[in-house]
Amino acid sequence: MTATTQIMTEADTCRELVTPKLVDAGWGSAPHVIGEQRTFTNGRIIVAGGRVRRGKQKRADYLLYYRRDYPLAVVEAKELGLPAETGVQQAKEYAEILGLKFAPPTATASSRSTTPPASSARWTASPHRPNSGSV
């Protein structure tokens, strides 16, 4: 990003802030997988006037997997300037749809430091440092 560009998009936030933090925490090394921009629904079926169409698909910025077939958590990033709560709510919704227990908030340069909420107290950022909770 250049000095003249002040806007950091969601894609920039993912690329420059979130992905490096996940990799530094040990995600992305086998068997721990980072799934980026993962579509996990086909979209709601909408019937109107005898016509059938699909609604918008749901896509997570990141799905964190223990193995490729074992998703653990959803991570949502937002562009700088948007409140972190926007991403937290979206991640919680996605985690509920996927039947996951964890949707940890992420802190970016635009938000104050956040800690996992009480509902995800067992969350650890690193797959290599398991804590006392079980999944």
N, C-alpha and C. Protein backbone atom coordinates (compact mmCIF):
# COMPACT_ATOMS: atom_id res chain seq x y z
N MET A 1 0.84 -1.16 0.00
CA MET A 1 0.00 0.00 0.00
C MET A 1 0.90 1.23 0.00
N THR A 2 0.60 2.21 -0.83
CA THR A 2 1.41 3.41 -0.93
C THR A 2 0.99 4.44 0.09
N ALA A 3 1.85 5.45 0.30
CA ALA A 3 1.56 6.52 1.26
C ALA A 3 0.35 7.34 0.82
N THR A 4 0.11 7.42 -0.48
CA THR A 4 -1.03 8.20 -0.96
C THR A 4 -2.34 7.46 -0.81
N THR A 5 -2.28 6.15 -0.64
CA THR A 5 -3.49 5.35 -0.46
C THR A 5 -3.74 5.20 1.03
N GLN A 6 -4.81 5.82 1.52
CA GLN A 6 -5.13 5.78 2.94
C GLN A 6 -6.15 4.70 3.26
N ILE A 7 -6.85 4.20 2.26
CA ILE A 7 -7.90 3.23 2.49
C ILE A 7 -7.33 1.82 2.45
N MET A 8 -7.62 1.07 3.49
CA MET A 8 -7.20 -0.32 3.53
C MET A 8 -8.47 -1.16 3.43
N THR A 9 -8.62 -1.87 2.33
CA THR A 9 -9.82 -2.67 2.10
C THR A 9 -9.80 -3.93 2.96
N GLU A 10 -10.89 -4.67 2.92
CA GLU A 10 -10.95 -5.93 3.64
C GLU A 10 -9.88 -6.89 3.11
N ALA A 11 -9.69 -6.92 1.81
CA ALA A 11 -8.67 -7.80 1.22
C ALA A 11 -7.28 -7.40 1.70
N ASP A 12 -7.02 -6.08 1.80
CA ASP A 12 -5.73 -5.61 2.31
C ASP A 12 -5.55 -6.03 3.76
N THR A 13 -6.62 -5.89 4.55
CA THR A 13 -6.57 -6.28 5.97
C THR A 13 -6.23 -7.76 6.09
N CYS A 14 -6.88 -8.58 5.28
CA CYS A 14 -6.59 -10.02 5.29
C CYS A 14 -5.13 -10.29 4.93
N ARG A 15 -4.72 -9.74 3.81
CA ARG A 15 -3.38 -10.01 3.27
C ARG A 15 -2.27 -9.47 4.17
N GLU A 16 -2.43 -8.26 4.68
CA GLU A 16 -1.34 -7.59 5.40
C GLU A 16 -1.37 -7.77 6.91
N LEU A 17 -2.54 -8.02 7.47
CA LEU A 17 -2.63 -8.10 8.93
C LEU A 17 -3.03 -9.48 9.45
N VAL A 18 -4.09 -10.05 8.92
CA VAL A 18 -4.64 -11.27 9.51
C VAL A 18 -3.83 -12.51 9.11
N THR A 19 -3.61 -12.72 7.82
CA THR A 19 -2.89 -13.91 7.38
C THR A 19 -1.51 -14.05 8.03
N PRO A 20 -0.70 -12.98 8.07
CA PRO A 20 0.60 -13.13 8.74
C PRO A 20 0.49 -13.53 10.21
N LYS A 21 -0.52 -13.01 10.90
CA LYS A 21 -0.71 -13.36 12.32
C LYS A 21 -1.11 -14.83 12.47
N LEU A 22 -1.96 -15.31 11.59
CA LEU A 22 -2.36 -16.72 11.65
C LEU A 22 -1.16 -17.62 11.37
N VAL A 23 -0.37 -17.27 10.37
CA VAL A 23 0.81 -18.07 10.02
C VAL A 23 1.82 -18.05 11.17
N ASP A 24 2.04 -16.86 11.77
CA ASP A 24 2.96 -16.75 12.91
C ASP A 24 2.50 -17.60 14.09
N ALA A 25 1.19 -17.76 14.23
CA ALA A 25 0.63 -18.55 15.33
C ALA A 25 0.67 -20.05 15.05
N GLY A 26 1.14 -20.44 13.86
CA GLY A 26 1.28 -21.86 13.54
C GLY A 26 0.23 -22.43 12.62
N TRP A 27 -0.75 -21.62 12.24
CA TRP A 27 -1.77 -22.09 11.29
C TRP A 27 -1.15 -22.12 9.91
N GLY A 28 -1.57 -23.06 9.11
CA GLY A 28 -1.04 -23.17 7.76
C GLY A 28 0.05 -24.21 7.64
N SER A 29 0.49 -24.78 8.77
CA SER A 29 1.46 -25.86 8.77
C SER A 29 0.71 -27.15 9.06
N ALA A 30 0.97 -28.18 8.24
CA ALA A 30 0.25 -29.45 8.39
C ALA A 30 0.28 -29.91 9.83
N PRO A 31 -0.82 -30.43 10.34
CA PRO A 31 -2.10 -30.65 9.69
C PRO A 31 -3.04 -29.45 9.78
N HIS A 32 -2.60 -28.35 10.36
CA HIS A 32 -3.44 -27.18 10.59
C HIS A 32 -3.56 -26.35 9.32
N VAL A 33 -4.78 -26.17 8.85
CA VAL A 33 -5.02 -25.55 7.55
C VAL A 33 -5.78 -24.24 7.70
N ILE A 34 -5.36 -23.25 6.92
CA ILE A 34 -6.09 -21.99 6.82
C ILE A 34 -6.87 -22.03 5.51
N GLY A 35 -8.18 -21.99 5.61
CA GLY A 35 -9.03 -21.92 4.42
C GLY A 35 -9.43 -20.48 4.21
N GLU A 36 -8.96 -19.86 3.13
CA GLU A 36 -9.27 -18.45 2.87
C GLU A 36 -10.41 -18.33 1.88
N GLN A 37 -11.31 -17.38 2.14
CA GLN A 37 -12.45 -17.08 1.28
C GLN A 37 -13.22 -18.36 0.94
N ARG A 38 -13.68 -19.04 1.97
CA ARG A 38 -14.39 -20.31 1.80
C ARG A 38 -15.89 -20.11 1.76
N THR A 39 -16.50 -20.51 0.65
CA THR A 39 -17.96 -20.50 0.54
C THR A 39 -18.47 -21.76 1.23
N PHE A 40 -19.44 -21.60 2.14
CA PHE A 40 -19.91 -22.76 2.87
C PHE A 40 -21.42 -22.97 2.77
N THR A 41 -22.12 -22.15 2.00
CA THR A 41 -23.52 -22.42 1.68
C THR A 41 -23.73 -22.16 0.19
N ASN A 42 -24.74 -22.77 -0.37
CA ASN A 42 -25.07 -22.54 -1.78
C ASN A 42 -26.01 -21.36 -1.96
N GLY A 43 -26.47 -20.79 -0.88
CA GLY A 43 -27.44 -19.71 -0.97
C GLY A 43 -28.84 -20.25 -0.79
N ARG A 44 -29.64 -19.46 -0.14
CA ARG A 44 -31.02 -19.82 0.14
C ARG A 44 -31.81 -19.98 -1.15
N ILE A 45 -32.70 -20.97 -1.20
CA ILE A 45 -33.56 -21.16 -2.37
C ILE A 45 -34.75 -20.22 -2.22
N ILE A 46 -34.97 -19.38 -3.23
CA ILE A 46 -36.05 -18.41 -3.20
C ILE A 46 -37.01 -18.71 -4.35
N VAL A 47 -38.28 -18.92 -3.99
CA VAL A 47 -39.32 -19.18 -4.98
C VAL A 47 -40.24 -17.96 -5.00
N ALA A 48 -40.36 -17.34 -6.15
CA ALA A 48 -41.23 -16.17 -6.28
C ALA A 48 -41.84 -16.16 -7.67
N GLY A 49 -43.17 -16.10 -7.73
CA GLY A 49 -43.86 -16.04 -9.02
C GLY A 49 -43.57 -17.22 -9.91
N GLY A 50 -43.42 -18.41 -9.34
CA GLY A 50 -43.15 -19.59 -10.14
C GLY A 50 -41.70 -19.71 -10.59
N ARG A 51 -40.86 -18.76 -10.21
CA ARG A 51 -39.43 -18.82 -10.57
C ARG A 51 -38.62 -19.18 -9.34
N VAL A 52 -37.59 -19.93 -9.56
CA VAL A 52 -36.72 -20.37 -8.47
C VAL A 52 -35.33 -19.79 -8.71
N ARG A 53 -34.78 -19.23 -7.66
CA ARG A 53 -33.40 -18.72 -7.75
C ARG A 53 -32.71 -18.92 -6.41
N ARG A 54 -31.44 -18.76 -6.42
CA ARG A 54 -30.66 -18.88 -5.19
C ARG A 54 -30.30 -17.50 -4.68
N GLY A 55 -30.30 -17.38 -3.35
CA GLY A 55 -29.86 -16.15 -2.71
C GLY A 55 -28.34 -16.10 -2.66
N LYS A 56 -27.83 -15.12 -1.98
CA LYS A 56 -26.39 -14.92 -1.88
C LYS A 56 -25.75 -16.02 -1.05
N GLN A 57 -24.61 -16.52 -1.53
CA GLN A 57 -23.85 -17.53 -0.80
C GLN A 57 -23.19 -16.90 0.41
N LYS A 58 -22.92 -17.69 1.43
CA LYS A 58 -22.19 -17.22 2.60
C LYS A 58 -20.74 -17.64 2.43
N ARG A 59 -19.85 -16.70 2.68
CA ARG A 59 -18.43 -16.95 2.50
C ARG A 59 -17.65 -16.37 3.68
N ALA A 60 -16.86 -17.21 4.32
CA ALA A 60 -16.04 -16.78 5.44
C ALA A 60 -14.68 -16.31 4.93
N ASP A 61 -14.15 -15.28 5.59
CA ASP A 61 -12.80 -14.82 5.23
C ASP A 61 -11.79 -15.92 5.52
N TYR A 62 -11.94 -16.57 6.67
CA TYR A 62 -11.05 -17.67 7.04
C TYR A 62 -11.84 -18.74 7.77
N LEU A 63 -11.57 -19.98 7.41
CA LEU A 63 -11.99 -21.13 8.21
C LEU A 63 -10.70 -21.80 8.65
N LEU A 64 -10.56 -22.02 9.94
CA LEU A 64 -9.36 -22.67 10.47
C LEU A 64 -9.70 -24.13 10.72
N TYR A 65 -8.87 -25.00 10.19
CA TYR A 65 -9.10 -26.44 10.27
C TYR A 65 -7.98 -27.11 11.07
N TYR A 66 -8.37 -28.12 11.84
CA TYR A 66 -7.35 -28.98 12.47
C TYR A 66 -6.75 -29.86 11.38
N ARG A 67 -7.64 -30.44 10.58
CA ARG A 67 -7.28 -31.15 9.35
C ARG A 67 -8.25 -30.65 8.30
N ARG A 68 -8.02 -30.96 7.06
CA ARG A 68 -8.89 -30.47 5.99
C ARG A 68 -10.37 -30.79 6.20
N ASP A 69 -10.65 -31.86 6.92
CA ASP A 69 -12.04 -32.27 7.13
C ASP A 69 -12.55 -31.96 8.54
N TYR A 70 -11.81 -31.14 9.30
CA TYR A 70 -12.17 -30.87 10.69
C TYR A 70 -12.07 -29.37 10.97
N PRO A 71 -13.11 -28.60 10.61
CA PRO A 71 -13.07 -27.16 10.87
C PRO A 71 -13.20 -26.86 12.36
N LEU A 72 -12.44 -25.85 12.83
CA LEU A 72 -12.47 -25.46 14.23
C LEU A 72 -13.07 -24.08 14.47
N ALA A 73 -12.74 -23.13 13.59
CA ALA A 73 -13.12 -21.74 13.87
C ALA A 73 -13.30 -20.93 12.60
N VAL A 74 -14.06 -19.84 12.75
CA VAL A 74 -14.27 -18.86 11.69
C VAL A 74 -13.59 -17.58 12.11
N VAL A 75 -12.88 -16.95 11.19
CA VAL A 75 -12.27 -15.64 11.45
C VAL A 75 -12.75 -14.69 10.35
N GLU A 76 -13.30 -13.57 10.75
CA GLU A 76 -13.77 -12.55 9.81
C GLU A 76 -12.93 -11.30 9.96
N ALA A 77 -12.55 -10.72 8.84
CA ALA A 77 -11.79 -9.47 8.83
C ALA A 77 -12.67 -8.38 8.22
N LYS A 78 -12.42 -7.16 8.61
CA LYS A 78 -13.15 -6.02 8.05
C LYS A 78 -12.15 -4.96 7.65
N GLU A 79 -12.57 -4.12 6.71
CA GLU A 79 -11.68 -3.04 6.29
C GLU A 79 -11.47 -2.08 7.43
N LEU A 80 -10.33 -1.37 7.39
CA LEU A 80 -10.05 -0.38 8.41
C LEU A 80 -11.15 0.67 8.42
N GLY A 81 -11.52 1.08 9.60
CA GLY A 81 -12.55 2.09 9.72
C GLY A 81 -13.89 1.52 10.14
N LEU A 82 -14.11 0.23 9.91
CA LEU A 82 -15.35 -0.40 10.36
C LEU A 82 -15.16 -0.92 11.77
N PRO A 83 -16.21 -0.88 12.58
CA PRO A 83 -16.06 -1.39 13.95
C PRO A 83 -15.80 -2.89 13.97
N ALA A 84 -14.95 -3.32 14.88
CA ALA A 84 -14.60 -4.74 15.00
C ALA A 84 -15.84 -5.58 15.30
N GLU A 85 -16.82 -4.99 15.97
CA GLU A 85 -18.03 -5.72 16.32
C GLU A 85 -18.75 -6.27 15.09
N THR A 86 -18.62 -5.59 13.96
CA THR A 86 -19.24 -6.04 12.72
C THR A 86 -18.73 -7.42 12.34
N GLY A 87 -17.43 -7.60 12.39
CA GLY A 87 -16.82 -8.88 12.06
C GLY A 87 -17.12 -9.95 13.09
N VAL A 88 -17.16 -9.56 14.36
CA VAL A 88 -17.43 -10.52 15.42
C VAL A 88 -18.83 -11.11 15.25
N GLN A 89 -19.82 -10.25 15.01
CA GLN A 89 -21.19 -10.72 14.83
C GLN A 89 -21.31 -11.64 13.62
N GLN A 90 -20.66 -11.27 12.53
CA GLN A 90 -20.70 -12.09 11.32
C GLN A 90 -20.04 -13.45 11.58
N ALA A 91 -18.90 -13.45 12.25
CA ALA A 91 -18.20 -14.70 12.55
C ALA A 91 -19.04 -15.59 13.46
N LYS A 92 -19.73 -15.00 14.43
CA LYS A 92 -20.60 -15.78 15.31
C LYS A 92 -21.73 -16.44 14.51
N GLU A 93 -22.32 -15.68 13.60
CA GLU A 93 -23.41 -16.21 12.76
C GLU A 93 -22.89 -17.37 11.91
N TYR A 94 -21.73 -17.19 11.28
CA TYR A 94 -21.17 -18.23 10.44
C TYR A 94 -20.82 -19.47 11.27
N ALA A 95 -20.24 -19.27 12.45
CA ALA A 95 -19.88 -20.40 13.31
C ALA A 95 -21.12 -21.19 13.71
N GLU A 96 -22.21 -20.47 13.98
CA GLU A 96 -23.46 -21.14 14.34
C GLU A 96 -23.98 -21.98 13.17
N ILE A 97 -23.96 -21.42 11.97
CA ILE A 97 -24.41 -22.16 10.78
C ILE A 97 -23.58 -23.42 10.58
N LEU A 98 -22.27 -23.30 10.81
CA LEU A 98 -21.36 -24.43 10.60
C LEU A 98 -21.29 -25.39 11.79
N GLY A 99 -21.96 -25.02 12.89
CA GLY A 99 -21.93 -25.87 14.07
C GLY A 99 -20.60 -25.82 14.80
N LEU A 100 -19.89 -24.70 14.68
CA LEU A 100 -18.59 -24.54 15.34
C LEU A 100 -18.77 -23.81 16.66
N LYS A 101 -17.91 -24.10 17.62
CA LYS A 101 -17.99 -23.46 18.92
C LYS A 101 -17.19 -22.16 18.98
N PHE A 102 -16.30 -21.93 18.04
CA PHE A 102 -15.40 -20.81 18.15
C PHE A 102 -15.51 -19.83 16.99
N ALA A 103 -15.57 -18.57 17.33
CA ALA A 103 -15.51 -17.49 16.35
C ALA A 103 -14.75 -16.36 17.02
N PRO A 104 -13.42 -16.50 17.14
CA PRO A 104 -12.65 -15.51 17.88
C PRO A 104 -12.63 -14.16 17.18
N PRO A 105 -12.72 -13.07 17.94
CA PRO A 105 -12.60 -11.76 17.32
C PRO A 105 -11.16 -11.53 16.91
N THR A 106 -10.95 -10.74 15.87
CA THR A 106 -9.61 -10.37 15.47
C THR A 106 -9.44 -8.89 15.69
N ALA A 107 -8.25 -8.48 16.07
CA ALA A 107 -7.96 -7.07 16.26
C ALA A 107 -7.15 -6.59 15.06
N THR A 108 -7.52 -5.46 14.51
CA THR A 108 -6.76 -4.88 13.41
C THR A 108 -6.27 -3.51 13.85
N ALA A 109 -5.53 -2.86 12.99
CA ALA A 109 -4.99 -1.55 13.33
C ALA A 109 -6.08 -0.54 13.63
N SER A 110 -7.30 -0.77 13.13
CA SER A 110 -8.37 0.19 13.34
C SER A 110 -9.17 -0.05 14.60
N SER A 111 -8.96 -1.21 15.22
CA SER A 111 -9.76 -1.52 16.40
C SER A 111 -8.88 -1.62 17.62
N ARG A 112 -9.51 -1.48 18.76
CA ARG A 112 -8.75 -1.65 20.00
C ARG A 112 -8.47 -3.14 20.17
N SER A 113 -7.54 -3.45 21.02
CA SER A 113 -7.20 -4.84 21.26
C SER A 113 -8.42 -5.58 21.78
N THR A 114 -8.64 -6.75 21.25
CA THR A 114 -9.78 -7.54 21.70
C THR A 114 -9.29 -8.86 22.26
N THR A 115 -10.09 -9.42 23.14
CA THR A 115 -9.81 -10.74 23.67
C THR A 115 -11.00 -11.61 23.37
N PRO A 116 -10.80 -12.91 23.30
CA PRO A 116 -11.93 -13.78 23.00
C PRO A 116 -13.03 -13.61 24.03
N PRO A 117 -14.29 -13.63 23.61
CA PRO A 117 -15.39 -13.51 24.54
C PRO A 117 -15.50 -14.73 25.43
N ALA A 118 -16.25 -14.61 26.52
CA ALA A 118 -16.39 -15.71 27.47
C ALA A 118 -16.87 -16.99 26.79
N SER A 119 -17.72 -16.85 25.76
CA SER A 119 -18.26 -18.04 25.09
C SER A 119 -17.18 -18.82 24.35
N SER A 120 -16.05 -18.20 24.08
CA SER A 120 -14.96 -18.92 23.41
C SER A 120 -13.70 -18.89 24.27
N ALA A 121 -13.88 -19.03 25.58
CA ALA A 121 -12.76 -18.96 26.51
C ALA A 121 -11.73 -20.05 26.26
N ARG A 122 -12.15 -21.15 25.60
CA ARG A 122 -11.20 -22.23 25.33
C ARG A 122 -10.38 -21.99 24.08
N TRP A 123 -10.64 -20.92 23.37
CA TRP A 123 -9.93 -20.62 22.12
C TRP A 123 -8.48 -20.31 22.39
N THR A 124 -7.61 -20.84 21.57
CA THR A 124 -6.21 -20.47 21.59
C THR A 124 -5.82 -20.13 20.17
N ALA A 125 -5.00 -19.11 19.99
CA ALA A 125 -4.63 -18.65 18.66
C ALA A 125 -3.70 -19.63 17.95
N SER A 126 -3.03 -20.46 18.70
CA SER A 126 -2.06 -21.35 18.10
C SER A 126 -2.51 -22.80 18.17
N PRO A 127 -2.46 -23.51 17.05
CA PRO A 127 -2.82 -24.91 17.07
C PRO A 127 -1.77 -25.76 17.79
N HIS A 128 -0.59 -25.17 18.01
CA HIS A 128 0.52 -25.92 18.62
C HIS A 128 0.57 -25.75 20.12
N ARG A 129 -0.30 -24.88 20.66
CA ARG A 129 -0.33 -24.67 22.10
C ARG A 129 -1.72 -24.97 22.61
N PRO A 130 -2.10 -26.23 22.66
CA PRO A 130 -3.45 -26.54 23.12
C PRO A 130 -3.62 -26.11 24.57
N ASN A 131 -4.84 -25.74 24.91
CA ASN A 131 -5.12 -25.36 26.29
C ASN A 131 -5.95 -26.45 26.95
N SER A 132 -6.43 -26.17 28.13
CA SER A 132 -7.10 -27.21 28.91
C SER A 132 -8.45 -27.60 28.35
N GLY A 133 -9.07 -26.77 27.53
CA GLY A 133 -10.39 -27.09 26.98
C GLY A 133 -10.30 -28.14 25.88
N SER A 134 -11.39 -28.82 25.70
CA SER A 134 -11.42 -29.80 24.62
C SER A 134 -12.40 -29.35 23.57
N VAL A 135 -12.17 -29.76 22.36
CA VAL A 135 -13.03 -29.36 21.24
C VAL A 135 -14.05 -30.43 21.01
